[in-house]
Protein backbone atom coordinates (compact mmCIF):
# COMPACT_ATOMS: atom_id res chain seq x y z
CA UNK A 1 98.92 -167.09 71.74
CA UNK A 2 96.40 -167.43 68.91
CA UNK A 3 93.82 -165.45 70.89
CA UNK A 4 96.31 -162.63 71.42
CA UNK A 5 97.02 -162.48 67.69
CA UNK A 6 93.29 -162.44 67.00
CA UNK A 7 92.79 -159.62 69.53
CA UNK A 8 95.69 -157.70 68.01
CA UNK A 9 94.27 -158.13 64.49
CA UNK A 10 90.83 -157.05 65.74
CA UNK A 11 92.33 -153.92 67.34
CA UNK A 12 94.23 -153.10 64.16
CA UNK A 13 91.06 -153.54 62.12
CA UNK A 14 89.11 -151.35 64.56
CA UNK A 15 91.83 -148.65 64.46
CA UNK A 16 91.73 -148.77 60.65
CA UNK A 17 87.94 -148.36 60.71
CA UNK A 18 88.16 -145.40 63.11
CA UNK A 19 90.83 -143.76 60.94
CA UNK A 20 88.70 -144.26 57.80
CA UNK A 21 85.63 -142.69 59.44
CA UNK A 22 87.73 -139.76 60.73
CA UNK A 23 89.14 -139.15 57.25
CA UNK A 24 85.65 -139.22 55.71
CA UNK A 25 84.37 -136.71 58.27
CA UNK A 26 87.35 -134.44 57.68
CA UNK A 27 86.74 -134.61 53.91
CA UNK A 28 83.12 -133.55 54.48
CA UNK A 29 84.28 -130.58 56.58
CA UNK A 30 86.79 -129.61 53.88
CA UNK A 31 84.07 -129.85 51.23
CA UNK A 32 81.78 -127.62 53.31
CA UNK A 33 84.56 -125.06 53.77
CA UNK A 34 85.34 -125.15 50.05
CA UNK A 35 81.70 -124.44 49.30
CA UNK A 36 81.71 -121.52 51.73
CA UNK A 37 84.87 -120.12 50.11
CA UNK A 38 83.31 -120.47 46.68
CA UNK A 39 80.15 -118.73 47.83
CA UNK A 40 82.18 -115.96 49.43
CA UNK A 41 84.16 -115.40 46.23
CA UNK A 42 80.95 -115.27 44.25
CA UNK A 43 79.46 -112.73 46.68
CA UNK A 44 82.64 -110.62 46.59
CA UNK A 45 82.57 -110.59 42.81
CA UNK A 46 78.92 -109.57 42.80
CA UNK A 47 79.67 -106.69 45.18
CA UNK A 48 82.41 -105.19 43.01
CA UNK A 49 81.96 -101.43 42.51
CA UNK A 50 80.61 -100.26 39.18
CA UNK A 51 83.16 -99.01 36.67
CA UNK A 52 84.17 -95.37 36.92
CA UNK A 53 82.39 -92.98 34.57
CA UNK A 54 84.42 -91.76 31.59
CA UNK A 55 86.56 -88.66 32.08
CA UNK A 56 84.73 -85.84 30.33
CA UNK A 57 86.95 -83.00 31.55
CA UNK A 58 83.88 -81.37 33.07
CA UNK A 59 82.35 -81.30 36.57
CA UNK A 60 83.65 -83.80 39.11
CA UNK A 61 81.61 -85.84 41.59
CA UNK A 62 82.63 -83.55 44.47
CA UNK A 63 81.29 -80.44 42.77
CA UNK A 64 84.70 -79.24 41.59
CA UNK A 65 85.83 -78.78 38.02
CA UNK A 66 88.54 -80.62 36.13
CA UNK A 67 91.35 -78.81 34.39
CA UNK A 68 93.42 -80.37 31.64
CA UNK A 69 97.11 -79.37 31.69
CA UNK A 70 99.40 -79.97 28.69
CA UNK A 71 103.17 -80.05 29.16
CA UNK A 72 105.17 -79.51 25.93
CA UNK A 73 108.40 -79.15 27.92
CA UNK A 74 111.24 -81.71 27.63
CA UNK A 75 110.92 -82.52 31.38
CA UNK A 76 108.15 -83.26 33.87
CA UNK A 77 106.44 -80.30 35.54
CA UNK A 78 104.69 -80.23 38.93
CA UNK A 79 101.46 -78.22 38.85
CA UNK A 80 99.95 -76.26 41.75
CA UNK A 81 96.69 -74.29 41.93
CA UNK A 82 95.75 -71.24 43.99
CA UNK A 83 92.22 -69.78 44.14
CA UNK A 84 92.66 -67.68 47.30
CA UNK A 85 92.69 -70.60 49.74
CA UNK A 86 96.44 -71.21 49.56
CA UNK A 87 98.41 -73.29 47.08
CA UNK A 88 97.41 -76.87 46.47
CA UNK A 89 99.63 -79.31 44.57
CA UNK A 90 97.61 -80.96 41.80
CA UNK A 91 100.25 -83.38 40.56
CA UNK A 92 102.93 -83.90 37.94
CA UNK A 93 102.51 -83.75 34.17
CA UNK A 94 105.12 -85.77 32.30
CA UNK A 95 107.00 -84.38 29.31
CA UNK A 96 104.84 -84.07 26.16
CA UNK A 97 101.71 -85.32 27.96
CA UNK A 98 98.37 -83.98 29.12
CA UNK A 99 96.92 -84.73 32.56
CA UNK A 100 93.56 -83.87 34.13
CA UNK A 101 93.22 -82.67 37.70
CA UNK A 102 90.18 -82.00 39.88
CA UNK A 103 89.99 -78.53 41.41
CA UNK A 104 87.42 -78.31 44.19
CA UNK A 105 87.04 -74.53 43.94
CA UNK A 106 83.55 -73.19 43.22
CA UNK A 107 82.47 -72.68 39.64
CA UNK A 108 83.42 -69.22 38.39
CA UNK A 109 86.56 -69.08 40.55
CA UNK A 110 89.70 -67.60 39.04
CA UNK A 111 92.51 -70.09 39.60
CA UNK A 112 96.21 -69.38 39.16
CA UNK A 113 98.11 -72.44 37.98
CA UNK A 114 101.88 -72.66 38.45
CA UNK A 115 104.16 -75.30 36.94
CA UNK A 116 107.64 -76.00 38.30
CA UNK A 117 110.46 -78.01 36.78
CA UNK A 118 112.45 -80.39 39.03
CA UNK A 119 115.28 -77.85 39.48
CA UNK A 120 112.93 -74.94 40.21
CA UNK A 121 114.41 -72.86 37.38
CA UNK A 122 111.26 -72.61 35.23
CA UNK A 123 107.97 -71.60 36.93
CA UNK A 124 105.39 -70.45 34.36
CA UNK A 125 101.93 -69.39 35.57
CA UNK A 126 98.53 -69.06 33.99
CA UNK A 127 95.06 -68.04 35.14
CA UNK A 128 91.87 -69.93 34.28
CA UNK A 129 88.22 -69.41 35.20
CA UNK A 130 86.41 -72.56 36.28
CA UNK A 131 83.19 -73.45 34.46
CA UNK A 132 81.21 -76.68 34.61
CA UNK A 133 79.97 -76.15 31.05
CA UNK A 134 83.39 -75.52 29.45
CA UNK A 135 86.42 -77.69 30.15
CA UNK A 136 89.33 -75.72 31.60
CA UNK A 137 92.63 -76.21 29.77
CA UNK A 138 96.12 -74.80 30.24
CA UNK A 139 99.30 -75.36 28.25
CA UNK A 140 102.53 -74.82 30.16
CA UNK A 141 104.80 -72.35 28.35
C-alpha cells in the first residue's frame, strides 16, 4: 500500500510539473502576442494620415473651387448648384451659419445656386463666377 501511495504522489508531482511548464509556455506565447499587438499599434499610429490643410475658401484638391454660403434665414436651407451639367445638391446650411462647399466645375464657370427651405416655400437663387484666385461667396436672401 505504501508503494501505491508513493506512486500516486509521484504522479501528482509529475502532473503538477507538467502543468507548471505548460503555464510558463503559454505565458511566453501571450507575451509574444502582446509585443506583436504593441508593435502593430505603434505602426498604425505612425501610418496615420497627415492633418488636412486649412480651409482657405480657394481651390480644392480636385481642381474645383469652394464657395462659401451664408444663411441669415431663421431656418436651415438646402443648397444646390447648376453650371450646365444638371443640378447637384451641395448640402445644408443651418440658420445663421456659413458653410463652404466644393464645386468641381471649371474655373470661370457661371454657377447658379439655389437654396430651398424645408417646406419648399422659399427658393432664392444667385449666380456666381468661379475663380481660384477669389473666394466665391453667396448670401441667401
